[in-house]
Each structure stands twice: as C-alpha cells, then as structure tokens.
Amino acid sequence: YYYEFNTTRPPFNDVRVRKALNMALDKDIIAEKVLGQGQRPAWLIS
C-alpha cells in the first residue's frame, strides 16, 4: 500500500519533499494500530 506522488509538477518534482514525507510517517503505527490485521511496515515498493 503506497501513495503515488505527481512527480511532473511542484512540490513533488523535488526528491527532498518526497523523502521528507516518507520519513515522517510512522509506518509501525499505521501497520500495527491503524490496520492491525498482520500488515508489516513498508519501506520498499516490493
């Protein structure tokens, strides 16, 4: 499960913005508390 950025225009044509949003998500909380059905935090697309 992932969010797709529109990288063709600002602000998401800047890799720093994309990386910042990725790093600031607490994926453990999303996987274990928000979902809580055995999902794992996703740090890779695969």
All heavy atoms as atom14 arrays in JSON, in Angstrom:
{
  "sequence": "YYYEFNTTRPPFNDVRVRKALNMALDKDIIAEKVLGQGQRPAWLIS",
  "atom14_mask": [
    [1, 1, 1, 1, 1, 1, 1, 1, 1, 1, 1, 1, 0, 0],
    [1, 1, 1, 1, 1, 1, 1, 1, 1, 1, 1, 1, 0, 0],
    [1, 1, 1, 1, 1, 1, 1, 1, 1, 1, 1, 1, 0, 0],
    [1, 1, 1, 1, 1, 1, 1, 1, 1, 0, 0, 0, 0, 0],
    [1, 1, 1, 1, 1, 1, 1, 1, 1, 1, 1, 0, 0, 0],
    [1, 1, 1, 1, 1, 1, 1, 1, 0, 0, 0, 0, 0, 0],
    [1, 1, 1, 1, 1, 1, 1, 0, 0, 0, 0, 0, 0, 0],
    [1, 1, 1, 1, 1, 1, 1, 0, 0, 0, 0, 0, 0, 0],
    [1, 1, 1, 1, 1, 1, 1, 1, 1, 1, 1, 0, 0, 0],
    [1, 1, 1, 1, 1, 1, 1, 0, 0, 0, 0, 0, 0, 0],
    [1, 1, 1, 1, 1, 1, 1, 0, 0, 0, 0, 0, 0, 0],
    [1, 1, 1, 1, 1, 1, 1, 1, 1, 1, 1, 0, 0, 0],
    [1, 1, 1, 1, 1, 1, 1, 1, 0, 0, 0, 0, 0, 0],
    [1, 1, 1, 1, 1, 1, 1, 1, 0, 0, 0, 0, 0, 0],
    [1, 1, 1, 1, 1, 1, 1, 0, 0, 0, 0, 0, 0, 0],
    [1, 1, 1, 1, 1, 1, 1, 1, 1, 1, 1, 0, 0, 0],
    [1, 1, 1, 1, 1, 1, 1, 0, 0, 0, 0, 0, 0, 0],
    [1, 1, 1, 1, 1, 1, 1, 1, 1, 1, 1, 0, 0, 0],
    [1, 1, 1, 1, 1, 1, 1, 1, 1, 0, 0, 0, 0, 0],
    [1, 1, 1, 1, 1, 0, 0, 0, 0, 0, 0, 0, 0, 0],
    [1, 1, 1, 1, 1, 1, 1, 1, 0, 0, 0, 0, 0, 0],
    [1, 1, 1, 1, 1, 1, 1, 1, 0, 0, 0, 0, 0, 0],
    [1, 1, 1, 1, 1, 1, 1, 1, 0, 0, 0, 0, 0, 0],
    [1, 1, 1, 1, 1, 0, 0, 0, 0, 0, 0, 0, 0, 0],
    [1, 1, 1, 1, 1, 1, 1, 1, 0, 0, 0, 0, 0, 0],
    [1, 1, 1, 1, 1, 1, 1, 1, 0, 0, 0, 0, 0, 0],
    [1, 1, 1, 1, 1, 1, 1, 1, 1, 0, 0, 0, 0, 0],
    [1, 1, 1, 1, 1, 1, 1, 1, 0, 0, 0, 0, 0, 0],
    [1, 1, 1, 1, 1, 1, 1, 1, 0, 0, 0, 0, 0, 0],
    [1, 1, 1, 1, 1, 1, 1, 1, 0, 0, 0, 0, 0, 0],
    [1, 1, 1, 1, 1, 0, 0, 0, 0, 0, 0, 0, 0, 0],
    [1, 1, 1, 1, 1, 1, 1, 1, 1, 0, 0, 0, 0, 0],
    [1, 1, 1, 1, 1, 1, 1, 1, 1, 0, 0, 0, 0, 0],
    [1, 1, 1, 1, 1, 1, 1, 0, 0, 0, 0, 0, 0, 0],
    [1, 1, 1, 1, 1, 1, 1, 1, 0, 0, 0, 0, 0, 0],
    [1, 1, 1, 1, 0, 0, 0, 0, 0, 0, 0, 0, 0, 0],
    [1, 1, 1, 1, 1, 1, 1, 1, 1, 0, 0, 0, 0, 0],
    [1, 1, 1, 1, 0, 0, 0, 0, 0, 0, 0, 0, 0, 0],
    [1, 1, 1, 1, 1, 1, 1, 1, 1, 0, 0, 0, 0, 0],
    [1, 1, 1, 1, 1, 1, 1, 1, 1, 1, 1, 0, 0, 0],
    [1, 1, 1, 1, 1, 1, 1, 0, 0, 0, 0, 0, 0, 0],
    [1, 1, 1, 1, 1, 0, 0, 0, 0, 0, 0, 0, 0, 0],
    [1, 1, 1, 1, 1, 1, 1, 1, 1, 1, 1, 1, 1, 1],
    [1, 1, 1, 1, 1, 1, 1, 1, 0, 0, 0, 0, 0, 0],
    [1, 1, 1, 1, 1, 1, 1, 1, 0, 0, 0, 0, 0, 0],
    [1, 1, 1, 1, 1, 1, 0, 0, 0, 0, 0, 0, 0, 0]
  ],
  "atom14_positions": [
    [[0.87, -1.19, 0.0], [0.0, 0.0, 0.0], [0.9, 1.23, 0.0], [1.75, 1.37, 0.87], [-0.86, -0.03, 1.27], [-2.0, 0.97, 1.29], [-3.31, 0.55, 1.15], [-1.76, 2.33, 1.45], [-4.37, 1.45, 1.17], [-2.8, 3.24, 1.47], [-4.1, 2.81, 1.33], [-5.14, 3.7, 1.35], [0.0, 0.0, 0.0], [0.0, 0.0, 0.0]],
    [[0.7, 2.1, -0.97], [1.55, 3.29, -1.03], [0.79, 4.46, -1.64], [-0.23, 4.27, -2.32], [2.83, 3.03, -1.85], [2.6, 2.64, -3.3], [2.61, 3.59, -4.31], [2.39, 1.3, -3.65], [2.4, 3.24, -5.63], [2.18, 0.94, -4.98], [2.18, 1.91, -5.97], [1.96, 1.56, -7.27], [0.0, 0.0, 0.0], [0.0, 0.0, 0.0]],
    [[1.27, 5.68, -1.39], [0.73, 6.88, -2.04], [1.63, 7.25, -3.2], [2.85, 7.22, -3.09], [0.66, 8.05, -1.06], [-0.46, 7.93, -0.05], [-0.26, 8.27, 1.29], [-1.73, 7.49, -0.42], [-1.29, 8.18, 2.22], [-2.76, 7.39, 0.5], [-2.53, 7.73, 1.81], [-3.55, 7.63, 2.73], [0.0, 0.0, 0.0], [0.0, 0.0, 0.0]],
    [[0.99, 7.62, -4.31], [1.75, 7.95, -5.52], [1.78, 9.47, -5.68], [0.73, 10.12, -5.67], [1.05, 7.3, -6.72], [1.86, 7.3, -7.97], [1.29, 6.35, -9.03], [0.1, 5.98, -8.94], [2.04, 5.99, -9.94], [0.0, 0.0, 0.0], [0.0, 0.0, 0.0], [0.0, 0.0, 0.0], [0.0, 0.0, 0.0], [0.0, 0.0, 0.0]],
    [[2.98, 10.03, -5.81], [3.13, 11.48, -5.99], [3.03, 11.82, -7.48], [3.49, 11.06, -8.32], [4.52, 11.94, -5.52], [4.79, 11.73, -4.05], [5.76, 10.83, -3.63], [4.07, 12.43, -3.1], [6.02, 10.64, -2.28], [4.33, 12.25, -1.75], [5.3, 11.36, -1.34], [0.0, 0.0, 0.0], [0.0, 0.0, 0.0], [0.0, 0.0, 0.0]],
    [[2.47, 12.99, -7.76], [2.54, 13.51, -9.13], [3.89, 14.22, -9.29], [4.03, 15.38, -8.94], [1.38, 14.47, -9.4], [1.41, 15.0, -10.83], [2.34, 14.74, -11.58], [0.38, 15.74, -11.2], [0.0, 0.0, 0.0], [0.0, 0.0, 0.0], [0.0, 0.0, 0.0], [0.0, 0.0, 0.0], [0.0, 0.0, 0.0], [0.0, 0.0, 0.0]],
    [[4.86, 13.48, -9.83], [6.25, 13.99, -9.89], [6.47, 14.93, -11.06], [7.59, 15.4, -11.27], [7.25, 12.82, -9.99], [6.9, 12.05, -11.15], [7.18, 11.94, -8.75], [0.0, 0.0, 0.0], [0.0, 0.0, 0.0], [0.0, 0.0, 0.0], [0.0, 0.0, 0.0], [0.0, 0.0, 0.0], [0.0, 0.0, 0.0], [0.0, 0.0, 0.0]],
    [[5.41, 15.23, -11.84], [5.61, 16.1, -13.02], [5.52, 17.57, -12.67], [5.78, 18.42, -13.51], [4.56, 15.79, -14.11], [3.25, 16.05, -13.59], [4.66, 14.34, -14.56], [0.0, 0.0, 0.0], [0.0, 0.0, 0.0], [0.0, 0.0, 0.0], [0.0, 0.0, 0.0], [0.0, 0.0, 0.0], [0.0, 0.0, 0.0], [0.0, 0.0, 0.0]],
    [[5.07, 17.9, -11.42], [4.95, 19.32, -11.07], [5.27, 19.55, -9.6], [5.22, 18.62, -8.8], [3.56, 19.83, -11.42], [2.45, 19.04, -10.77], [1.13, 19.78, -10.91], [0.19, 19.05, -11.73], [-1.11, 19.33, -11.78], [-1.58, 20.34, -11.09], [-1.92, 18.63, -12.51], [0.0, 0.0, 0.0], [0.0, 0.0, 0.0], [0.0, 0.0, 0.0]],
    [[5.59, 20.81, -9.24], [5.89, 21.1, -7.83], [4.68, 20.78, -6.95], [3.55, 20.86, -7.42], [6.16, 22.61, -7.84], [6.42, 22.98, -9.27], [5.66, 22.0, -10.09], [0.0, 0.0, 0.0], [0.0, 0.0, 0.0], [0.0, 0.0, 0.0], [0.0, 0.0, 0.0], [0.0, 0.0, 0.0], [0.0, 0.0, 0.0], [0.0, 0.0, 0.0]],
    [[4.89, 20.43, -5.66], [6.19, 20.33, -4.98], [6.86, 18.96, -5.16], [7.97, 18.76, -4.72], [5.8, 20.54, -3.52], [4.43, 19.91, -3.41], [3.76, 20.2, -4.73], [0.0, 0.0, 0.0], [0.0, 0.0, 0.0], [0.0, 0.0, 0.0], [0.0, 0.0, 0.0], [0.0, 0.0, 0.0], [0.0, 0.0, 0.0], [0.0, 0.0, 0.0]],
    [[6.17, 18.01, -5.81], [6.66, 16.62, -5.78], [7.68, 16.29, -6.86], [8.11, 15.15, -6.97], [5.48, 15.65, -5.81], [4.54, 15.82, -4.65], [3.2, 16.1, -4.85], [5.01, 15.75, -3.35], [2.35, 16.29, -3.77], [4.18, 15.94, -2.27], [2.83, 16.2, -2.49], [0.0, 0.0, 0.0], [0.0, 0.0, 0.0], [0.0, 0.0, 0.0]],
    [[8.06, 17.29, -7.66], [9.18, 17.05, -8.58], [10.51, 17.21, -7.85], [11.57, 17.01, -8.42], [9.1, 18.0, -9.78], [9.08, 19.47, -9.36], [8.95, 19.77, -8.17], [9.19, 20.37, -10.32], [0.0, 0.0, 0.0], [0.0, 0.0, 0.0], [0.0, 0.0, 0.0], [0.0, 0.0, 0.0], [0.0, 0.0, 0.0], [0.0, 0.0, 0.0]],
    [[10.44, 17.54, -6.54], [11.64, 17.68, -5.71], [11.77, 16.43, -4.82], [10.91, 16.17, -3.97], [11.52, 18.93, -4.84], [12.82, 19.27, -4.1], [13.56, 18.33, -3.73], [13.07, 20.47, -3.88], [0.0, 0.0, 0.0], [0.0, 0.0, 0.0], [0.0, 0.0, 0.0], [0.0, 0.0, 0.0], [0.0, 0.0, 0.0], [0.0, 0.0, 0.0]],
    [[12.83, 15.66, -5.03], [13.02, 14.4, -4.3], [13.09, 14.62, -2.78], [12.68, 13.77, -2.0], [14.27, 13.64, -4.82], [15.56, 14.39, -4.48], [14.32, 12.22, -4.27], [0.0, 0.0, 0.0], [0.0, 0.0, 0.0], [0.0, 0.0, 0.0], [0.0, 0.0, 0.0], [0.0, 0.0, 0.0], [0.0, 0.0, 0.0], [0.0, 0.0, 0.0]],
    [[13.55, 15.81, -2.36], [13.67, 16.07, -0.92], [12.29, 16.12, -0.26], [12.11, 15.65, 0.87], [14.4, 17.41, -0.7], [15.87, 17.36, -1.14], [16.5, 18.73, -1.16], [15.84, 19.63, -2.09], [16.32, 20.83, -2.43], [17.48, 21.25, -1.93], [15.66, 21.61, -3.27], [0.0, 0.0, 0.0], [0.0, 0.0, 0.0], [0.0, 0.0, 0.0]],
    [[11.32, 16.67, -0.97], [9.95, 16.74, -0.44], [9.37, 15.33, -0.3], [8.78, 14.97, 0.72], [9.05, 17.61, -1.36], [7.59, 17.54, -0.92], [9.54, 19.05, -1.36], [0.0, 0.0, 0.0], [0.0, 0.0, 0.0], [0.0, 0.0, 0.0], [0.0, 0.0, 0.0], [0.0, 0.0, 0.0], [0.0, 0.0, 0.0], [0.0, 0.0, 0.0]],
    [[9.56, 14.52, -1.33], [9.03, 13.14, -1.32], [9.67, 12.35, -0.18], [9.0, 11.62, 0.56], [9.29, 12.46, -2.66], [8.73, 13.22, -3.85], [8.63, 12.36, -5.1], [9.89, 11.84, -5.58], [10.62, 12.39, -6.55], [10.24, 13.54, -7.11], [11.75, 11.83, -6.95], [0.0, 0.0, 0.0], [0.0, 0.0, 0.0], [0.0, 0.0, 0.0]],
    [[10.98, 12.5, -0.03], [11.7, 11.75, 1.0], [11.28, 12.19, 2.4], [11.09, 11.37, 3.3], [13.21, 11.94, 0.8], [14.05, 10.84, 1.4], [15.5, 10.93, 0.92], [16.35, 9.86, 1.55], [17.75, 9.95, 1.14], [0.0, 0.0, 0.0], [0.0, 0.0, 0.0], [0.0, 0.0, 0.0], [0.0, 0.0, 0.0], [0.0, 0.0, 0.0]],
    [[11.09, 13.5, 2.58], [10.69, 14.04, 3.88], [9.33, 13.47, 4.3], [9.15, 13.04, 5.45], [10.64, 15.56, 3.83], [0.0, 0.0, 0.0], [0.0, 0.0, 0.0], [0.0, 0.0, 0.0], [0.0, 0.0, 0.0], [0.0, 0.0, 0.0], [0.0, 0.0, 0.0], [0.0, 0.0, 0.0], [0.0, 0.0, 0.0], [0.0, 0.0, 0.0]],
    [[8.37, 13.45, 3.37], [7.04, 12.93, 3.7], [7.1, 11.44, 4.02], [6.41, 10.95, 4.92], [6.07, 13.19, 2.54], [5.72, 14.67, 2.31], [4.88, 14.83, 1.05], [4.97, 15.25, 3.5], [0.0, 0.0, 0.0], [0.0, 0.0, 0.0], [0.0, 0.0, 0.0], [0.0, 0.0, 0.0], [0.0, 0.0, 0.0], [0.0, 0.0, 0.0]],
    [[7.93, 10.72, 3.31], [8.1, 9.28, 3.56], [8.67, 9.04, 4.96], [8.17, 8.21, 5.72], [9.02, 8.7, 2.48], [9.18, 7.19, 2.61], [8.29, 6.49, 3.11], [10.32, 6.67, 2.2], [0.0, 0.0, 0.0], [0.0, 0.0, 0.0], [0.0, 0.0, 0.0], [0.0, 0.0, 0.0], [0.0, 0.0, 0.0], [0.0, 0.0, 0.0]],
    [[9.71, 9.81, 5.31], [10.39, 9.59, 6.59], [9.53, 9.99, 7.79], [9.67, 9.45, 8.88], [11.7, 10.39, 6.63], [12.74, 9.86, 5.68], [14.14, 10.98, 5.61], [15.38, 10.02, 6.41], [0.0, 0.0, 0.0], [0.0, 0.0, 0.0], [0.0, 0.0, 0.0], [0.0, 0.0, 0.0], [0.0, 0.0, 0.0], [0.0, 0.0, 0.0]],
    [[8.62, 10.96, 7.59], [7.84, 11.47, 8.72], [6.59, 10.64, 9.02], [5.85, 10.94, 9.94], [7.44, 12.92, 8.45], [0.0, 0.0, 0.0], [0.0, 0.0, 0.0], [0.0, 0.0, 0.0], [0.0, 0.0, 0.0], [0.0, 0.0, 0.0], [0.0, 0.0, 0.0], [0.0, 0.0, 0.0], [0.0, 0.0, 0.0], [0.0, 0.0, 0.0]],
    [[6.36, 9.59, 8.22], [5.23, 8.69, 8.51], [5.68, 7.63, 9.51], [6.72, 6.99, 9.3], [4.76, 7.97, 7.24], [3.89, 8.74, 6.26], [3.51, 7.81, 5.12], [2.65, 9.31, 6.91], [0.0, 0.0, 0.0], [0.0, 0.0, 0.0], [0.0, 0.0, 0.0], [0.0, 0.0, 0.0], [0.0, 0.0, 0.0], [0.0, 0.0, 0.0]],
    [[4.91, 7.42, 10.57], [5.21, 6.33, 11.5], [4.54, 5.06, 10.97], [3.38, 4.78, 11.26], [4.72, 6.67, 12.91], [5.3, 5.71, 13.94], [5.52, 4.53, 13.59], [5.53, 6.13, 15.09], [0.0, 0.0, 0.0], [0.0, 0.0, 0.0], [0.0, 0.0, 0.0], [0.0, 0.0, 0.0], [0.0, 0.0, 0.0], [0.0, 0.0, 0.0]],
    [[5.29, 4.32, 10.18], [4.7, 3.16, 9.48], [4.35, 2.02, 10.44], [3.45, 1.24, 10.16], [5.67, 2.68, 8.39], [5.9, 3.78, 7.36], [6.88, 3.37, 6.29], [7.27, 4.58, 5.46], [7.39, 4.28, 4.05], [0.0, 0.0, 0.0], [0.0, 0.0, 0.0], [0.0, 0.0, 0.0], [0.0, 0.0, 0.0], [0.0, 0.0, 0.0]],
    [[5.08, 1.97, 11.56], [4.75, 0.93, 12.56], [3.34, 1.15, 13.11], [2.57, 0.21, 13.26], [5.76, 0.95, 13.72], [7.15, 0.55, 13.24], [7.3, -0.61, 12.82], [8.06, 1.39, 13.25], [0.0, 0.0, 0.0], [0.0, 0.0, 0.0], [0.0, 0.0, 0.0], [0.0, 0.0, 0.0], [0.0, 0.0, 0.0], [0.0, 0.0, 0.0]],
    [[3.02, 2.42, 13.39], [1.67, 2.73, 13.92], [0.61, 2.43, 12.87], [-0.43, 1.84, 13.17], [1.6, 4.2, 14.39], [2.36, 4.34, 15.71], [0.15, 4.66, 14.57], [2.4, 5.73, 16.3], [0.0, 0.0, 0.0], [0.0, 0.0, 0.0], [0.0, 0.0, 0.0], [0.0, 0.0, 0.0], [0.0, 0.0, 0.0], [0.0, 0.0, 0.0]],
    [[0.88, 2.8, 11.6], [-0.11, 2.53, 10.54], [-0.34, 1.02, 10.39], [-1.47, 0.55, 10.34], [0.33, 3.16, 9.19], [0.3, 4.69, 9.31], [-0.57, 2.7, 8.05], [0.85, 5.43, 8.11], [0.0, 0.0, 0.0], [0.0, 0.0, 0.0], [0.0, 0.0, 0.0], [0.0, 0.0, 0.0], [0.0, 0.0, 0.0], [0.0, 0.0, 0.0]],
    [[0.76, 0.24, 10.37], [0.64, -1.22, 10.17], [-0.02, -1.9, 11.37], [-0.92, -2.72, 11.21], [2.01, -1.82, 9.89], [0.0, 0.0, 0.0], [0.0, 0.0, 0.0], [0.0, 0.0, 0.0], [0.0, 0.0, 0.0], [0.0, 0.0, 0.0], [0.0, 0.0, 0.0], [0.0, 0.0, 0.0], [0.0, 0.0, 0.0], [0.0, 0.0, 0.0]],
    [[0.44, -1.53, 12.57], [0.01, -2.3, 13.76], [-1.24, -1.77, 14.43], [-2.03, -2.53, 14.97], [1.16, -2.35, 14.77], [2.33, -3.22, 14.28], [3.67, -2.83, 14.91], [3.66, -2.29, 16.03], [4.71, -3.04, 14.25], [0.0, 0.0, 0.0], [0.0, 0.0, 0.0], [0.0, 0.0, 0.0], [0.0, 0.0, 0.0], [0.0, 0.0, 0.0]],
    [[-1.44, -0.42, 14.4], [-2.57, 0.16, 15.14], [-3.72, 0.56, 14.2], [-4.88, 0.23, 14.44], [-2.12, 1.38, 15.95], [-1.02, 1.11, 16.96], [-1.59, 0.47, 18.23], [-0.59, 0.46, 19.38], [0.6, -0.36, 19.13], [0.0, 0.0, 0.0], [0.0, 0.0, 0.0], [0.0, 0.0, 0.0], [0.0, 0.0, 0.0], [0.0, 0.0, 0.0]],
    [[-3.39, 1.3, 13.14], [-4.45, 1.77, 12.23], [-5.05, 0.59, 11.47], [-6.26, 0.5, 11.3], [-3.9, 2.83, 11.24], [-4.99, 3.29, 10.28], [-3.34, 4.02, 12.0], [0.0, 0.0, 0.0], [0.0, 0.0, 0.0], [0.0, 0.0, 0.0], [0.0, 0.0, 0.0], [0.0, 0.0, 0.0], [0.0, 0.0, 0.0], [0.0, 0.0, 0.0]],
    [[-4.2, -0.35, 11.03], [-4.68, -1.53, 10.28], [-4.82, -2.74, 11.2], [-5.91, -3.26, 11.38], [-3.76, -1.82, 9.1], [-3.71, -0.71, 8.04], [-2.59, -0.95, 7.04], [-5.03, -0.59, 7.31], [0.0, 0.0, 0.0], [0.0, 0.0, 0.0], [0.0, 0.0, 0.0], [0.0, 0.0, 0.0], [0.0, 0.0, 0.0], [0.0, 0.0, 0.0]],
    [[-3.7, -3.21, 11.75], [-3.74, -4.25, 12.78], [-4.31, -5.6, 12.35], [-4.96, -6.28, 13.13], [0.0, 0.0, 0.0], [0.0, 0.0, 0.0], [0.0, 0.0, 0.0], [0.0, 0.0, 0.0], [0.0, 0.0, 0.0], [0.0, 0.0, 0.0], [0.0, 0.0, 0.0], [0.0, 0.0, 0.0], [0.0, 0.0, 0.0], [0.0, 0.0, 0.0]],
    [[-4.07, -5.99, 11.08], [-4.54, -7.31, 10.64], [-3.35, -8.17, 10.19], [-3.5, -9.07, 9.37], [-5.53, -7.14, 9.48], [-6.78, -6.39, 9.87], [-7.61, -6.01, 8.67], [-7.09, -5.47, 7.69], [-8.9, -6.26, 8.73], [0.0, 0.0, 0.0], [0.0, 0.0, 0.0], [0.0, 0.0, 0.0], [0.0, 0.0, 0.0], [0.0, 0.0, 0.0]],
    [[-2.16, -7.84, 10.72], [-0.98, -8.61, 10.33], [-0.12, -7.91, 9.29], [0.86, -8.48, 8.8], [0.0, 0.0, 0.0], [0.0, 0.0, 0.0], [0.0, 0.0, 0.0], [0.0, 0.0, 0.0], [0.0, 0.0, 0.0], [0.0, 0.0, 0.0], [0.0, 0.0, 0.0], [0.0, 0.0, 0.0], [0.0, 0.0, 0.0], [0.0, 0.0, 0.0]],
    [[-0.49, -6.66, 8.92], [0.32, -5.92, 7.95], [1.69, -5.57, 8.52], [1.85, -5.49, 9.73], [-0.39, -4.61, 7.54], [-1.62, -4.78, 6.69], [-2.9, -4.97, 7.48], [-2.87, -5.24, 8.67], [-4.03, -4.84, 6.81], [0.0, 0.0, 0.0], [0.0, 0.0, 0.0], [0.0, 0.0, 0.0], [0.0, 0.0, 0.0], [0.0, 0.0, 0.0]],
    [[2.66, -5.37, 7.6], [4.01, -5.0, 8.01], [4.34, -3.6, 7.5], [3.85, -3.22, 6.43], [5.03, -5.99, 7.42], [4.85, -7.41, 7.89], [5.89, -8.34, 7.28], [5.79, -8.42, 5.83], [6.43, -9.33, 5.1], [7.21, -10.21, 5.68], [6.28, -9.36, 3.79], [0.0, 0.0, 0.0], [0.0, 0.0, 0.0], [0.0, 0.0, 0.0]],
    [[5.18, -2.84, 8.22], [5.59, -1.52, 7.71], [6.28, -1.68, 6.35], [7.09, -2.59, 6.18], [6.58, -1.0, 8.76], [6.35, -1.85, 9.97], [5.83, -3.16, 9.51], [0.0, 0.0, 0.0], [0.0, 0.0, 0.0], [0.0, 0.0, 0.0], [0.0, 0.0, 0.0], [0.0, 0.0, 0.0], [0.0, 0.0, 0.0], [0.0, 0.0, 0.0]],
    [[5.94, -0.82, 5.39], [6.5, -0.94, 4.03], [7.59, 0.1, 3.81], [7.3, 1.28, 3.7], [5.39, -0.77, 3.0], [0.0, 0.0, 0.0], [0.0, 0.0, 0.0], [0.0, 0.0, 0.0], [0.0, 0.0, 0.0], [0.0, 0.0, 0.0], [0.0, 0.0, 0.0], [0.0, 0.0, 0.0], [0.0, 0.0, 0.0], [0.0, 0.0, 0.0]],
    [[8.82, -0.35, 3.75], [9.94, 0.55, 3.44], [10.42, 0.38, 2.01], [11.3, 1.09, 1.54], [11.1, 0.32, 4.42], [10.76, 0.81, 5.79], [10.39, 0.06, 6.88], [10.67, 2.17, 6.22], [10.11, 0.86, 7.95], [10.28, 2.18, 7.57], [10.9, 3.41, 5.59], [10.1, 3.35, 8.31], [10.73, 4.57, 6.32], [10.34, 4.53, 7.66]],
    [[9.83, -0.6, 1.33], [10.19, -0.88, -0.07], [8.91, -1.02, -0.87], [7.87, -1.39, -0.32], [10.95, -2.21, -0.17], [12.24, -2.35, 0.64], [12.61, -3.81, 0.77], [13.35, -1.57, -0.06], [0.0, 0.0, 0.0], [0.0, 0.0, 0.0], [0.0, 0.0, 0.0], [0.0, 0.0, 0.0], [0.0, 0.0, 0.0], [0.0, 0.0, 0.0]],
    [[8.98, -0.76, -2.17], [7.8, -0.94, -3.02], [7.51, -2.43, -3.22], [6.37, -2.84, -3.35], [7.97, -0.19, -4.38], [6.62, -0.04, -5.08], [8.96, -0.85, -5.28], [5.78, 1.09, -4.58], [0.0, 0.0, 0.0], [0.0, 0.0, 0.0], [0.0, 0.0, 0.0], [0.0, 0.0, 0.0], [0.0, 0.0, 0.0], [0.0, 0.0, 0.0]],
    [[8.56, -3.26, -3.24], [8.38, -4.7, -3.4], [8.34, -5.38, -2.04], [8.72, -4.8, -1.02], [9.54, -5.3, -4.2], [9.5, -4.85, -5.53], [0.0, 0.0, 0.0], [0.0, 0.0, 0.0], [0.0, 0.0, 0.0], [0.0, 0.0, 0.0], [0.0, 0.0, 0.0], [0.0, 0.0, 0.0], [0.0, 0.0, 0.0], [0.0, 0.0, 0.0]]
  ]
}
